[in-house]
PDB file of N, CA and C in Angstrom:
ATOM      1  N   MET A   1      34.404  19.216 -28.560  1.00  0.00           N
ATOM      2  CA  MET A   1      33.270  18.362 -28.757  1.00  0.00           C
ATOM      3  C   MET A   1      32.451  18.334 -27.465  1.00  0.00           C
ATOM      4  N   GLN A   2      31.202  18.522 -27.605  1.00  0.00           N
ATOM      5  CA  GLN A   2      30.326  18.586 -26.435  1.00  0.00           C
ATOM      6  C   GLN A   2      29.640  17.243 -26.216  1.00  0.00           C
ATOM      7  N   GLY A   3      29.485  16.855 -24.929  1.00  0.00           N
ATOM      8  CA  GLY A   3      28.834  15.593 -24.606  1.00  0.00           C
ATOM      9  C   GLY A   3      27.343  15.642 -24.893  1.00  0.00           C
ATOM     10  N   ARG A   4      26.784  14.502 -24.997  1.00  0.00           N
ATOM     11  CA  ARG A   4      25.356  14.398 -25.274  1.00  0.00           C
ATOM     12  C   ARG A   4      24.554  14.791 -24.047  1.00  0.00           C
ATOM     13  N   SER A   5      23.549  15.623 -24.195  1.00  0.00           N
ATOM     14  CA  SER A   5      22.737  16.046 -23.055  1.00  0.00           C
ATOM     15  C   SER A   5      21.631  15.021 -22.811  1.00  0.00           C
ATOM     16  N   HIS A   6      21.320  14.812 -21.561  1.00  0.00           N
ATOM     17  CA  HIS A   6      20.278  13.862 -21.194  1.00  0.00           C
ATOM     18  C   HIS A   6      18.915  14.519 -21.333  1.00  0.00           C
ATOM     19  N   PRO A   7      17.885  13.748 -21.660  1.00  0.00           N
ATOM     20  CA  PRO A   7      16.559  14.342 -21.773  1.00  0.00           C
ATOM     21  C   PRO A   7      16.042  14.857 -20.430  1.00  0.00           C
ATOM     22  N   PHE A   8      16.496  14.246 -19.322  1.00  0.00           N
ATOM     23  CA  PHE A   8      16.093  14.693 -17.993  1.00  0.00           C
ATOM     24  C   PHE A   8      17.356  14.953 -17.173  1.00  0.00           C
ATOM     25  N   PRO A   9      17.819  16.192 -17.115  1.00  0.00           N
ATOM     26  CA  PRO A   9      19.029  16.458 -16.325  1.00  0.00           C
ATOM     27  C   PRO A   9      18.797  16.153 -14.855  1.00  0.00           C
ATOM     28  N   GLU A  10      19.890  15.835 -14.146  1.00  0.00           N
ATOM     29  CA  GLU A  10      19.775  15.422 -12.745  1.00  0.00           C
ATOM     30  C   GLU A  10      19.192  16.510 -11.856  1.00  0.00           C
ATOM     31  N   ASN A  11      19.380  17.756 -12.216  1.00  0.00           N
ATOM     32  CA  ASN A  11      18.882  18.825 -11.355  1.00  0.00           C
ATOM     33  C   ASN A  11      17.404  19.137 -11.593  1.00  0.00           C
ATOM     34  N   SER A  12      16.754  18.430 -12.505  1.00  0.00           N
ATOM     35  CA  SER A  12      15.320  18.619 -12.692  1.00  0.00           C
ATOM     36  C   SER A  12      14.552  17.689 -11.752  1.00  0.00           C
ATOM     37  N   LEU A  13      13.290  17.936 -11.585  1.00  0.00           N
ATOM     38  CA  LEU A  13      12.463  17.108 -10.705  1.00  0.00           C
ATOM     39  C   LEU A  13      12.383  15.674 -11.220  1.00  0.00           C
ATOM     40  N   VAL A  14      12.145  15.499 -12.502  1.00  0.00           N
ATOM     41  CA  VAL A  14      12.042  14.161 -13.078  1.00  0.00           C
ATOM     42  C   VAL A  14      13.386  13.443 -12.993  1.00  0.00           C
ATOM     43  N   GLY A  15      14.471  14.154 -13.269  1.00  0.00           N
ATOM     44  CA  GLY A  15      15.790  13.552 -13.180  1.00  0.00           C
ATOM     45  C   GLY A  15      16.119  13.120 -11.761  1.00  0.00           C
ATOM     46  N   SER A  16      15.723  13.937 -10.777  1.00  0.00           N
ATOM     47  CA  SER A  16      15.942  13.578  -9.378  1.00  0.00           C
ATOM     48  C   SER A  16      15.130  12.348  -8.989  1.00  0.00           C
ATOM     49  N   CYS A  17      13.893  12.263  -9.472  1.00  0.00           N
ATOM     50  CA  CYS A  17      13.059  11.092  -9.177  1.00  0.00           C
ATOM     51  C   CYS A  17      13.645   9.831  -9.800  1.00  0.00           C
ATOM     52  N   ILE A  18      14.162   9.945 -11.012  1.00  0.00           N
ATOM     53  CA  ILE A  18      14.773   8.793 -11.674  1.00  0.00           C
ATOM     54  C   ILE A  18      16.012   8.346 -10.919  1.00  0.00           C
ATOM     55  N   LYS A  19      16.849   9.288 -10.503  1.00  0.00           N
ATOM     56  CA  LYS A  19      18.067   8.946  -9.753  1.00  0.00           C
ATOM     57  C   LYS A  19      17.709   8.312  -8.420  1.00  0.00           C
ATOM     58  N   LEU A  20      16.690   8.844  -7.744  1.00  0.00           N
ATOM     59  CA  LEU A  20      16.249   8.278  -6.473  1.00  0.00           C
ATOM     60  C   LEU A  20      15.741   6.847  -6.662  1.00  0.00           C
ATOM     61  N   ALA A  21      14.966   6.611  -7.713  1.00  0.00           N
ATOM     62  CA  ALA A  21      14.456   5.262  -7.981  1.00  0.00           C
ATOM     63  C   ALA A  21      15.599   4.302  -8.310  1.00  0.00           C
ATOM     64  N   GLN A  22      16.594   4.781  -9.050  1.00  0.00           N
ATOM     65  CA  GLN A  22      17.724   3.917  -9.395  1.00  0.00           C
ATOM     66  C   GLN A  22      18.524   3.533  -8.167  1.00  0.00           C
ATOM     67  N   THR A  23      18.729   4.475  -7.246  1.00  0.00           N
ATOM     68  CA  THR A  23      19.497   4.144  -6.049  1.00  0.00           C
ATOM     69  C   THR A  23      18.681   3.295  -5.080  1.00  0.00           C
ATOM     70  N   THR A  24      17.374   3.515  -5.033  1.00  0.00           N
ATOM     71  CA  THR A  24      16.531   2.751  -4.127  1.00  0.00           C
ATOM     72  C   THR A  24      16.411   1.295  -4.568  1.00  0.00           C
ATOM     73  N   PHE A  25      16.236   1.091  -5.856  1.00  0.00           N
ATOM     74  CA  PHE A  25      16.008  -0.247  -6.385  1.00  0.00           C
ATOM     75  C   PHE A  25      17.221  -0.773  -7.142  1.00  0.00           C
ATOM     76  N   PHE A  26      18.432  -0.429  -6.701  1.00  0.00           N
ATOM     77  CA  PHE A  26      19.657  -0.822  -7.387  1.00  0.00           C
ATOM     78  C   PHE A  26      19.770  -2.337  -7.519  1.00  0.00           C
ATOM     79  N   GLN A  27      19.480  -3.052  -6.437  1.00  0.00           N
ATOM     80  CA  GLN A  27      19.640  -4.504  -6.455  1.00  0.00           C
ATOM     81  C   GLN A  27      18.621  -5.185  -7.354  1.00  0.00           C
ATOM     82  N   GLU A  28      17.444  -4.574  -7.529  1.00  0.00           N
ATOM     83  CA  GLU A  28      16.390  -5.216  -8.308  1.00  0.00           C
ATOM     84  C   GLU A  28      16.480  -4.916  -9.802  1.00  0.00           C
ATOM     85  N   LEU A  29      17.325  -3.964 -10.194  1.00  0.00           N
ATOM     86  CA  LEU A  29      17.444  -3.655 -11.613  1.00  0.00           C
ATOM     87  C   LEU A  29      18.063  -4.846 -12.349  1.00  0.00           C
ATOM     88  N   PRO A  30      17.552  -5.187 -13.542  1.00  0.00           N
ATOM     89  CA  PRO A  30      18.064  -6.356 -14.263  1.00  0.00           C
ATOM     90  C   PRO A  30      19.567  -6.299 -14.525  1.00  0.00           C
ATOM     91  N   ALA A  31      20.123  -5.110 -14.762  1.00  0.00           N
ATOM     92  CA  ALA A  31      21.544  -4.999 -15.056  1.00  0.00           C
ATOM     93  C   ALA A  31      22.400  -5.245 -13.816  1.00  0.00           C
ATOM     94  N   ASN A  32      21.833  -5.099 -12.616  1.00  0.00           N
ATOM     95  CA  ASN A  32      22.616  -5.194 -11.390  1.00  0.00           C
ATOM     96  C   ASN A  32      22.313  -6.436 -10.562  1.00  0.00           C
ATOM     97  N   VAL A  33      21.544  -7.345 -11.082  1.00  0.00           N
ATOM     98  CA  VAL A  33      21.151  -8.518 -10.306  1.00  0.00           C
ATOM     99  C   VAL A  33      22.360  -9.356  -9.925  1.00  0.00           C
ATOM    100  N   GLY A  34      23.313  -9.518 -10.820  1.00  0.00           N
ATOM    101  CA  GLY A  34      24.458 -10.374 -10.549  1.00  0.00           C
ATOM    102  C   GLY A  34      25.584  -9.684  -9.807  1.00  0.00           C
ATOM    103  N   THR A  35      25.521  -8.393  -9.567  1.00  0.00           N
ATOM    104  CA  THR A  35      26.651  -7.683  -8.963  1.00  0.00           C
ATOM    105  C   THR A  35      26.764  -7.927  -7.466  1.00  0.00           C
ATOM    106  N   LEU A  36      25.667  -8.090  -6.784  1.00  0.00           N
ATOM    107  CA  LEU A  36      25.710  -8.296  -5.341  1.00  0.00           C
ATOM    108  C   LEU A  36      25.305  -9.716  -4.996  1.00  0.00           C
ATOM    109  N   PRO A  37      26.054 -10.372  -4.113  1.00  0.00           N
ATOM    110  CA  PRO A  37      25.684 -11.736  -3.730  1.00  0.00           C
ATOM    111  C   PRO A  37      24.437 -11.733  -2.853  1.00  0.00           C
ATOM    112  N   ALA A  38      23.689 -12.803  -2.919  1.00  0.00           N
ATOM    113  CA  ALA A  38      22.502 -12.935  -2.082  1.00  0.00           C
ATOM    114  C   ALA A  38      22.929 -13.128  -0.640  1.00  0.00           C
ATOM    115  N   LYS A  39      22.203 -12.512   0.271  1.00  0.00           N
ATOM    116  CA  LYS A  39      22.533 -12.611   1.688  1.00  0.00           C
ATOM    117  C   LYS A  39      21.455 -13.413   2.398  1.00  0.00           C
ATOM    118  N   ALA A  40      21.892 -14.379   3.178  1.00  0.00           N
ATOM    119  CA  ALA A  40      20.968 -15.158   3.994  1.00  0.00           C
ATOM    120  C   ALA A  40      20.839 -14.465   5.348  1.00  0.00           C
ATOM    121  N   PRO A  41      19.691 -14.562   5.988  1.00  0.00           N
ATOM    122  CA  PRO A  41      19.561 -13.953   7.309  1.00  0.00           C
ATOM    123  C   PRO A  41      20.498 -14.620   8.305  1.00  0.00           C
ATOM    124  N   ALA A  42      21.013 -13.827   9.239  1.00  0.00           N
ATOM    125  CA  ALA A  42      21.948 -14.354  10.234  1.00  0.00           C
ATOM    126  C   ALA A  42      21.269 -15.394  11.113  1.00  0.00           C
ATOM    127  N   THR A  43      20.059 -15.096  11.543  1.00  0.00           N
ATOM    128  CA  THR A  43      19.296 -16.054  12.355  1.00  0.00           C
ATOM    129  C   THR A  43      17.856 -16.039  11.883  1.00  0.00           C
ATOM    130  N   PHE A  44      17.214 -17.130  12.082  1.00  0.00           N
ATOM    131  CA  PHE A  44      15.804 -17.222  11.757  1.00  0.00           C
ATOM    132  C   PHE A  44      14.984 -16.860  12.979  1.00  0.00           C
ATOM    133  N   PRO A  45      13.744 -16.419  12.799  1.00  0.00           N
ATOM    134  CA  PRO A  45      12.900 -16.140  13.961  1.00  0.00           C
ATOM    135  C   PRO A  45      12.720 -17.394  14.813  1.00  0.00           C
ATOM    136  N   ALA A  46      12.446 -17.202  16.081  1.00  0.00           N
ATOM    137  CA  ALA A  46      12.342 -18.329  17.019  1.00  0.00           C
ATOM    138  C   ALA A  46      11.274 -19.323  16.582  1.00  0.00           C
ATOM    139  N   SER A  47      10.169 -18.830  16.029  1.00  0.00           N
ATOM    140  CA  SER A  47       9.099 -19.744  15.643  1.00  0.00           C
ATOM    141  C   SER A  47       9.515 -20.631  14.469  1.00  0.00           C
ATOM    142  N   LYS A  48      10.481 -20.196  13.672  1.00  0.00           N
ATOM    143  CA  LYS A  48      10.920 -20.988  12.529  1.00  0.00           C
ATOM    144  C   LYS A  48      12.065 -21.937  12.891  1.00  0.00           C
ATOM    145  N   GLN A  49      12.798 -21.665  13.965  1.00  0.00           N
ATOM    146  CA  GLN A  49      13.950 -22.488  14.307  1.00  0.00           C
ATOM    147  C   GLN A  49      13.538 -23.841  14.860  1.00  0.00           C
ATOM    148  N   ASP A  50      12.770 -23.825  15.944  1.00  0.00           N
ATOM    149  CA  ASP A  50      12.468 -25.088  16.617  1.00  0.00           C
ATOM    150  C   ASP A  50      10.978 -25.422  16.603  1.00  0.00           C
ATOM    151  N   GLY A  51      10.234 -24.766  15.760  1.00  0.00           N
ATOM    152  CA  GLY A  51       8.798 -25.020  15.719  1.00  0.00           C
ATOM    153  C   GLY A  51       8.053 -24.172  16.724  1.00  0.00           C
ATOM    154  N   GLY A  52       8.726 -23.546  17.666  1.00  0.00           N
ATOM    155  CA  GLY A  52       8.096 -22.659  18.634  1.00  0.00           C
ATOM    156  C   GLY A  52       7.303 -23.411  19.675  1.00  0.00           C
ATOM    157  N   ASN A  53       6.955 -22.723  20.691  1.00  0.00           N
ATOM    158  CA  ASN A  53       6.142 -23.280  21.757  1.00  0.00           C
ATOM    159  C   ASN A  53       4.684 -23.278  21.302  1.00  0.00           C
ATOM    160  N   VAL A  54       4.049 -24.413  21.307  1.00  0.00           N
ATOM    161  CA  VAL A  54       2.676 -24.534  20.825  1.00  0.00           C
ATOM    162  C   VAL A  54       1.733 -23.691  21.677  1.00  0.00           C
ATOM    163  N   PHE A  55       1.928 -23.719  22.990  1.00  0.00           N
ATOM    164  CA  PHE A  55       1.065 -22.944  23.873  1.00  0.00           C
ATOM    165  C   PHE A  55       1.210 -21.450  23.598  1.00  0.00           C
ATOM    166  N   ALA A  56       2.439 -20.982  23.383  1.00  0.00           N
ATOM    167  CA  ALA A  56       2.667 -19.558  23.117  1.00  0.00           C
ATOM    168  C   ALA A  56       2.034 -19.145  21.793  1.00  0.00           C
ATOM    169  N   ARG A  57       2.144 -20.014  20.783  1.00  0.00           N
ATOM    170  CA  ARG A  57       1.534 -19.684  19.497  1.00  0.00           C
ATOM    171  C   ARG A  57       0.015 -19.653  19.595  1.00  0.00           C
ATOM    172  N   CYS A  58      -0.571 -20.588  20.338  1.00  0.00           N
ATOM    173  CA  CYS A  58      -2.027 -20.605  20.514  1.00  0.00           C
ATOM    174  C   CYS A  58      -2.487 -19.374  21.288  1.00  0.00           C
ATOM    175  N   ALA A  59      -1.741 -19.011  22.326  1.00  0.00           N
ATOM    176  CA  ALA A  59      -2.096 -17.833  23.109  1.00  0.00           C
ATOM    177  C   ALA A  59      -2.004 -16.574  22.257  1.00  0.00           C
ATOM    178  N   GLU A  60      -0.983 -16.474  21.416  1.00  0.00           N
ATOM    179  CA  GLU A  60      -0.842 -15.315  20.541  1.00  0.00           C
ATOM    180  C   GLU A  60      -1.963 -15.268  19.504  1.00  0.00           C
ATOM    181  N   ALA A  61      -2.317 -16.423  18.949  1.00  0.00           N
ATOM    182  CA  ALA A  61      -3.408 -16.475  17.977  1.00  0.00           C
ATOM    183  C   ALA A  61      -4.729 -16.065  18.625  1.00  0.00           C
ATOM    184  N   LEU A  62      -4.978 -16.522  19.852  1.00  0.00           N
ATOM    185  CA  LEU A  62      -6.187 -16.142  20.569  1.00  0.00           C
ATOM    186  C   LEU A  62      -6.203 -14.642  20.859  1.00  0.00           C
ATOM    187  N   GLU A  63      -5.065 -14.120  21.270  1.00  0.00           N
ATOM    188  CA  GLU A  63      -4.976 -12.689  21.545  1.00  0.00           C
ATOM    189  C   GLU A  63      -5.227 -11.867  20.281  1.00  0.00           C
ATOM    190  N   ASN A  64      -4.664 -12.303  19.160  1.00  0.00           N
ATOM    191  CA  ASN A  64      -4.898 -11.603  17.891  1.00  0.00           C
ATOM    192  C   ASN A  64      -6.368 -11.656  17.499  1.00  0.00           C
ATOM    193  N   TRP A  65      -6.998 -12.803  17.682  1.00  0.00           N
ATOM    194  CA  TRP A  65      -8.408 -12.945  17.347  1.00  0.00           C
ATOM    195  C   TRP A  65      -9.270 -12.039  18.223  1.00  0.00           C
ATOM    196  N   LEU A  66      -8.994 -12.007  19.522  1.00  0.00           N
ATOM    197  CA  LEU A  66      -9.753 -11.147  20.427  1.00  0.00           C
ATOM    198  C   LEU A  66      -9.556  -9.672  20.074  1.00  0.00           C
ATOM    199  N   HIS A  67      -8.353  -9.307  19.704  1.00  0.00           N
ATOM    200  CA  HIS A  67      -8.087  -7.916  19.314  1.00  0.00           C
ATOM    201  C   HIS A  67      -8.876  -7.546  18.061  1.00  0.00           C
ATOM    202  N   ARG A  68      -8.902  -8.460  17.073  1.00  0.00           N
ATOM    203  CA  ARG A  68      -9.672  -8.189  15.854  1.00  0.00           C
ATOM    204  C   ARG A  68     -11.164  -8.063  16.156  1.00  0.00           C
ATOM    205  N   GLN A  69     -11.679  -8.896  17.079  1.00  0.00           N
ATOM    206  CA  GLN A  69     -13.085  -8.811  17.451  1.00  0.00           C
ATOM    207  C   GLN A  69     -13.388  -7.470  18.116  1.00  0.00           C
ATOM    208  N   GLN A  70     -12.481  -7.024  18.975  1.00  0.00           N
ATOM    209  CA  GLN A  70     -12.675  -5.743  19.642  1.00  0.00           C
ATOM    210  C   GLN A  70     -12.664  -4.602  18.625  1.00  0.00           C
ATOM    211  N   LEU A  71     -11.764  -4.671  17.659  1.00  0.00           N
ATOM    212  CA  LEU A  71     -11.726  -3.641  16.621  1.00  0.00           C
ATOM    213  C   LEU A  71     -13.013  -3.634  15.805  1.00  0.00           C
ATOM    214  N   LYS A  72     -13.539  -4.823  15.487  1.00  0.00           N
ATOM    215  CA  LYS A  72     -14.791  -4.883  14.735  1.00  0.00           C
ATOM    216  C   LYS A  72     -15.933  -4.249  15.519  1.00  0.00           C
ATOM    217  N   GLU A  73     -15.992  -4.521  16.826  1.00  0.00           N
ATOM    218  CA  GLU A  73     -17.043  -3.933  17.657  1.00  0.00           C
ATOM    219  C   GLU A  73     -16.920  -2.414  17.688  1.00  0.00           C
ATOM    220  N   ARG A  74     -15.701  -1.915  17.839  1.00  0.00           N
ATOM    221  CA  ARG A  74     -15.486  -0.467  17.882  1.00  0.00           C
ATOM    222  C   ARG A  74     -15.860   0.171  16.546  1.00  0.00           C
ATOM    223  N   GLU A  75     -15.475  -0.458  15.445  1.00  0.00           N
ATOM    224  CA  GLU A  75     -15.800   0.083  14.131  1.00  0.00           C
ATOM    225  C   GLU A  75     -17.304   0.078  13.892  1.00  0.00           C
ATOM    226  N   ALA A  76     -17.991  -0.969  14.335  1.00  0.00           N
ATOM    227  CA  ALA A  76     -19.444  -1.033  14.176  1.00  0.00           C
ATOM    228  C   ALA A  76     -20.117   0.066  14.999  1.00  0.00           C
ATOM    229  N   TYR A  77     -19.611   0.320  16.194  1.00  0.00           N
ATOM    230  CA  TYR A  77     -20.167   1.368  17.048  1.00  0.00           C
ATOM    231  C   TYR A  77     -19.999   2.742  16.392  1.00  0.00           C
ATOM    232  N   VAL A  78     -18.822   3.008  15.840  1.00  0.00           N
ATOM    233  CA  VAL A  78     -18.586   4.304  15.192  1.00  0.00           C
ATOM    234  C   VAL A  78     -19.383   4.403  13.889  1.00  0.00           C
ATOM    235  N   ALA A  79     -19.582   3.291  13.204  1.00  0.00           N
ATOM    236  CA  ALA A  79     -20.308   3.306  11.929  1.00  0.00           C
ATOM    237  C   ALA A  79     -21.785   3.623  12.096  1.00  0.00           C
ATOM    238  N   GLN A  80     -22.313   3.478  13.300  1.00  0.00           N
ATOM    239  CA  GLN A  80     -23.735   3.778  13.538  1.00  0.00           C
ATOM    240  C   GLN A  80     -24.015   5.266  13.628  1.00  0.00           C
ATOM    241  N   SER A  81     -22.985   6.099  13.644  1.00  0.00           N
ATOM    242  CA  SER A  81     -23.192   7.536  13.784  1.00  0.00           C
ATOM    243  C   SER A  81     -23.802   8.117  12.511  1.00  0.00           C
ATOM    244  N   HIS A  82     -24.498   9.239  12.696  1.00  0.00           N
ATOM    245  CA  HIS A  82     -25.251   9.833  11.591  1.00  0.00           C
ATOM    246  C   HIS A  82     -24.515  10.978  10.907  1.00  0.00           C
ATOM    247  N   ASP A  83     -23.602  11.648  11.593  1.00  0.00           N
ATOM    248  CA  ASP A  83     -22.845  12.731  10.982  1.00  0.00           C
ATOM    249  C   ASP A  83     -21.428  12.763  11.550  1.00  0.00           C
ATOM    250  N   ILE A  84     -20.616  13.652  11.011  1.00  0.00           N
ATOM    251  CA  ILE A  84     -19.205  13.686  11.380  1.00  0.00           C
ATOM    252  C   ILE A  84     -19.015  14.068  12.848  1.00  0.00           C
ATOM    253  N   PHE A  85     -19.928  14.890  13.375  1.00  0.00           N
ATOM    254  CA  PHE A  85     -19.799  15.313  14.765  1.00  0.00           C
ATOM    255  C   PHE A  85     -20.021  14.135  15.718  1.00  0.00           C
ATOM    256  N   GLU A  86     -20.968  13.293  15.366  1.00  0.00           N
ATOM    257  CA  GLU A  86     -21.217  12.113  16.187  1.00  0.00           C
ATOM    258  C   GLU A  86     -20.071  11.100  16.058  1.00  0.00           C
ATOM    259  N   VAL A  87     -19.472  11.017  14.874  1.00  0.00           N
ATOM    260  CA  VAL A  87     -18.305  10.150  14.698  1.00  0.00           C
ATOM    261  C   VAL A  87     -17.188  10.606  15.634  1.00  0.00           C
ATOM    262  N   GLU A  88     -16.919  11.906  15.639  1.00  0.00           N
ATOM    263  CA  GLU A  88     -15.859  12.431  16.502  1.00  0.00           C
ATOM    264  C   GLU A  88     -16.175  12.201  17.974  1.00  0.00           C
ATOM    265  N   ARG A  89     -17.442  12.382  18.359  1.00  0.00           N
ATOM    266  CA  ARG A  89     -17.826  12.180  19.750  1.00  0.00           C
ATOM    267  C   ARG A  89     -17.641  10.712  20.143  1.00  0.00           C
ATOM    268  N   ARG A  90     -18.047   9.798  19.271  1.00  0.00           N
ATOM    269  CA  ARG A  90     -17.919   8.368  19.582  1.00  0.00           C
ATOM    270  C   ARG A  90     -16.459   7.938  19.653  1.00  0.00           C
ATOM    271  N   VAL A  91     -15.633   8.446  18.755  1.00  0.00           N
ATOM    272  CA  VAL A  91     -14.208   8.115  18.798  1.00  0.00           C
ATOM    273  C   VAL A  91     -13.586   8.665  20.081  1.00  0.00           C
ATOM    274  N   ARG A  92     -13.963   9.876  20.443  1.00  0.00           N
ATOM    275  CA  ARG A  92     -13.457  10.469  21.686  1.00  0.00           C
ATOM    276  C   ARG A  92     -13.898   9.646  22.891  1.00  0.00           C
ATOM    277  N   ASP A  93     -15.160   9.206  22.901  1.00  0.00           N
ATOM    278  CA  ASP A  93     -15.654   8.364  24.000  1.00  0.00           C
ATOM    279  C   ASP A  93     -14.893   7.039  24.068  1.00  0.00           C
ATOM    280  N   LEU A  94     -14.626   6.440  22.922  1.00  0.00           N
ATOM    281  CA  LEU A  94     -13.878   5.178  22.915  1.00  0.00           C
ATOM    282  C   LEU A  94     -12.451   5.372  23.403  1.00  0.00           C
ATOM    283  N   ASP A  95     -11.845   6.500  23.065  1.00  0.00           N
ATOM    284  CA  ASP A  95     -10.474   6.767  23.512  1.00  0.00           C
ATOM    285  C   ASP A  95     -10.427   6.962  25.020  1.00  0.00           C
ATOM    286  N   ARG A  96     -11.467   7.520  25.594  1.00  0.00           N
ATOM    287  CA  ARG A  96     -11.476   7.793  27.032  1.00  0.00           C
ATOM    288  C   ARG A  96     -11.967   6.606  27.857  1.00  0.00           C
ATOM    289  N   ARG A  97     -12.628   5.642  27.232  1.00  0.00           N
ATOM    290  CA  ARG A  97     -13.177   4.493  27.932  1.00  0.00           C
ATOM    291  C   ARG A  97     -12.064   3.534  28.357  1.00  0.00           C
ATOM    292  N   ALA A  98     -12.227   2.962  29.536  1.00  0.00           N
ATOM    293  CA  ALA A  98     -11.257   1.957  29.992  1.00  0.00           C
ATOM    294  C   ALA A  98     -11.469   0.667  29.197  1.00  0.00           C
ATOM    295  N   TYR A  99     -10.405  -0.056  28.924  1.00  0.00           N
ATOM    296  CA  TYR A  99     -10.476  -1.259  28.106  1.00  0.00           C
ATOM    297  C   TYR A  99     -10.809  -2.513  28.906  1.00  0.00           C
ATOM    298  N   TYR A 100     -10.842  -2.448  30.209  1.00  0.00           N
ATOM    299  CA  TYR A 100     -11.062  -3.645  31.009  1.00  0.00           C
ATOM    300  C   TYR A 100     -12.377  -3.611  31.692  1.00  0.00           C
TER     301      TYR A 100
END
């Protein structure tokens, strides 16, 4: 008696993709949700444990805001170019320019 053949054998491209997806998302599959216990993180990030240092969080937020502003300025400068050659030249100039 011969076993039933699968519509997508494992050695085919589709079968390999299905097997890869099954192994990658094993925990999220409905049939396997109850097999593994939920794991809590060993430690929480410092900002979540004690509320974090207010000054450090403000300084980080300011730094992030300044970085985003700098990126917007750089993108606006490159967006003013008229063709691909000028885009490349402007990007090259920005890469070579000192940041301070």
